[in-house]
């Protein structure tokens, strides 16, 4: 014994392609009307700012280096200078940003 769905499908498959498309559109339209519309608030996720605030609340406090330097530009300059010094090491009289570099001992 065939279910109503199987009978409807058998009848639908006997239709020509254009009629099948019309049937699909009508069925989709009827389903759209039957389904309760989803509210806009349910579709939207939390605002990115709220998500960021939540993430920051979960993080541990950050220990800042050189909190005594209040000017952010000077603070960044100081950190960069320190990192540059660590990266380049001690090259004698070499100064960064100038052309005055001490000659190596074997060139004297």
Protein backbone atom coordinates (compact mmCIF):
# COMPACT_ATOMS: atom_id res chain seq x y z
CA UNK A 1 0.00 0.00 0.00
CA UNK A 2 1.40 3.41 -1.00
CA UNK A 3 1.57 6.32 1.41
CA UNK A 4 0.05 9.66 0.35
CA UNK A 5 3.56 11.02 -0.17
CA UNK A 6 4.49 8.19 -2.52
CA UNK A 7 1.24 8.67 -4.47
CA UNK A 8 1.84 12.42 -4.75
CA UNK A 9 5.41 11.84 -5.90
CA UNK A 10 4.29 9.33 -8.53
CA UNK A 11 1.77 11.85 -9.86
CA UNK A 12 4.34 14.68 -9.78
CA UNK A 13 6.85 12.66 -11.77
CA UNK A 14 4.27 12.22 -14.54
CA UNK A 15 4.14 15.99 -15.05
CA UNK A 16 6.29 17.69 -17.69
CA UNK A 17 9.32 19.62 -16.36
CA UNK A 18 7.66 23.05 -16.51
CA UNK A 19 4.67 21.81 -14.48
CA UNK A 20 7.00 20.14 -11.96
CA UNK A 21 8.76 23.47 -11.43
CA UNK A 22 5.42 25.17 -10.86
CA UNK A 23 4.50 22.45 -8.38
CA UNK A 24 7.80 22.91 -6.53
CA UNK A 25 7.24 26.67 -6.33
CA UNK A 26 3.71 26.22 -4.99
CA UNK A 27 4.79 23.65 -2.40
CA UNK A 28 7.71 25.85 -1.27
CA UNK A 29 5.41 28.84 -1.02
CA UNK A 30 2.90 26.93 1.10
CA UNK A 31 5.65 25.73 3.44
CA UNK A 32 6.99 29.28 3.77
CA UNK A 33 3.56 30.47 4.87
CA UNK A 34 3.19 27.62 7.37
CA UNK A 35 6.56 28.18 9.02
CA UNK A 36 6.58 30.76 11.79
CA UNK A 37 8.88 33.64 10.80
CA UNK A 38 12.07 33.89 12.82
CA UNK A 39 12.50 37.18 14.65
CA UNK A 40 15.36 39.47 13.68
CA UNK A 41 16.76 39.28 17.20
CA UNK A 42 17.01 35.50 16.99
CA UNK A 43 19.01 35.69 13.76
CA UNK A 44 21.56 38.20 14.98
CA UNK A 45 24.47 37.01 17.01
CA UNK A 46 25.90 39.08 19.80
CA UNK A 47 27.43 42.35 18.64
CA UNK A 48 31.18 41.98 18.07
CA UNK A 49 31.86 44.61 20.73
CA UNK A 50 29.93 42.63 23.32
CA UNK A 51 31.82 39.48 22.34
CA UNK A 52 35.13 41.37 22.68
CA UNK A 53 34.17 42.71 26.11
CA UNK A 54 33.23 39.20 27.21
CA UNK A 55 36.59 37.87 25.99
CA UNK A 56 38.51 40.64 27.77
CA UNK A 57 36.61 39.91 30.98
CA UNK A 58 37.76 36.28 30.80
CA UNK A 59 41.45 37.13 30.30
CA UNK A 60 43.94 37.40 33.11
CA UNK A 61 45.31 40.87 33.86
CA UNK A 62 48.27 41.81 31.70
CA UNK A 63 51.48 43.02 33.34
CA UNK A 64 52.65 46.02 31.36
CA UNK A 65 56.31 46.73 30.87
CA UNK A 66 57.37 50.19 31.97
CA UNK A 67 54.05 51.43 33.37
CA UNK A 68 55.84 54.63 34.41
CA UNK A 69 55.95 55.74 30.74
CA UNK A 70 52.55 57.36 30.29
CA UNK A 71 52.93 58.57 26.71
CA UNK A 72 51.99 55.64 24.41
CA UNK A 73 54.27 56.82 21.61
CA UNK A 74 57.27 57.04 23.93
CA UNK A 75 56.36 53.65 25.42
CA UNK A 76 56.37 52.01 21.96
CA UNK A 77 59.64 53.75 21.05
CA UNK A 78 61.22 52.48 24.27
CA UNK A 79 60.06 48.90 23.67
CA UNK A 80 61.27 48.96 20.06
CA UNK A 81 64.62 50.37 21.10
CA UNK A 82 64.99 47.66 23.73
CA UNK A 83 64.07 44.89 21.28
CA UNK A 84 66.45 46.32 18.67
CA UNK A 85 69.27 46.37 21.23
CA UNK A 86 68.54 42.77 22.23
CA UNK A 87 68.41 41.67 18.60
CA UNK A 88 71.59 43.46 17.48
CA UNK A 89 73.59 42.99 20.64
CA UNK A 90 76.59 45.10 21.56
CA UNK A 91 78.55 46.08 18.45
CA UNK A 92 80.94 48.42 20.18
CA UNK A 93 80.47 52.00 19.01
CA UNK A 94 77.87 51.08 16.41
CA UNK A 95 74.87 53.33 16.66
CA UNK A 96 71.64 52.59 14.91
CA UNK A 97 70.54 55.11 12.34
CA UNK A 98 73.97 56.69 11.76
CA UNK A 99 76.97 55.86 9.65
CA UNK A 100 79.52 55.99 12.49
CA UNK A 101 80.68 52.46 13.16
CA UNK A 102 83.93 51.57 14.86
CA UNK A 103 86.35 49.77 12.59
CA UNK A 104 87.12 46.19 13.49
CA UNK A 105 90.55 45.65 15.13
CA UNK A 106 92.04 43.83 12.13
CA UNK A 107 91.62 46.96 9.93
CA UNK A 108 93.79 49.21 12.10
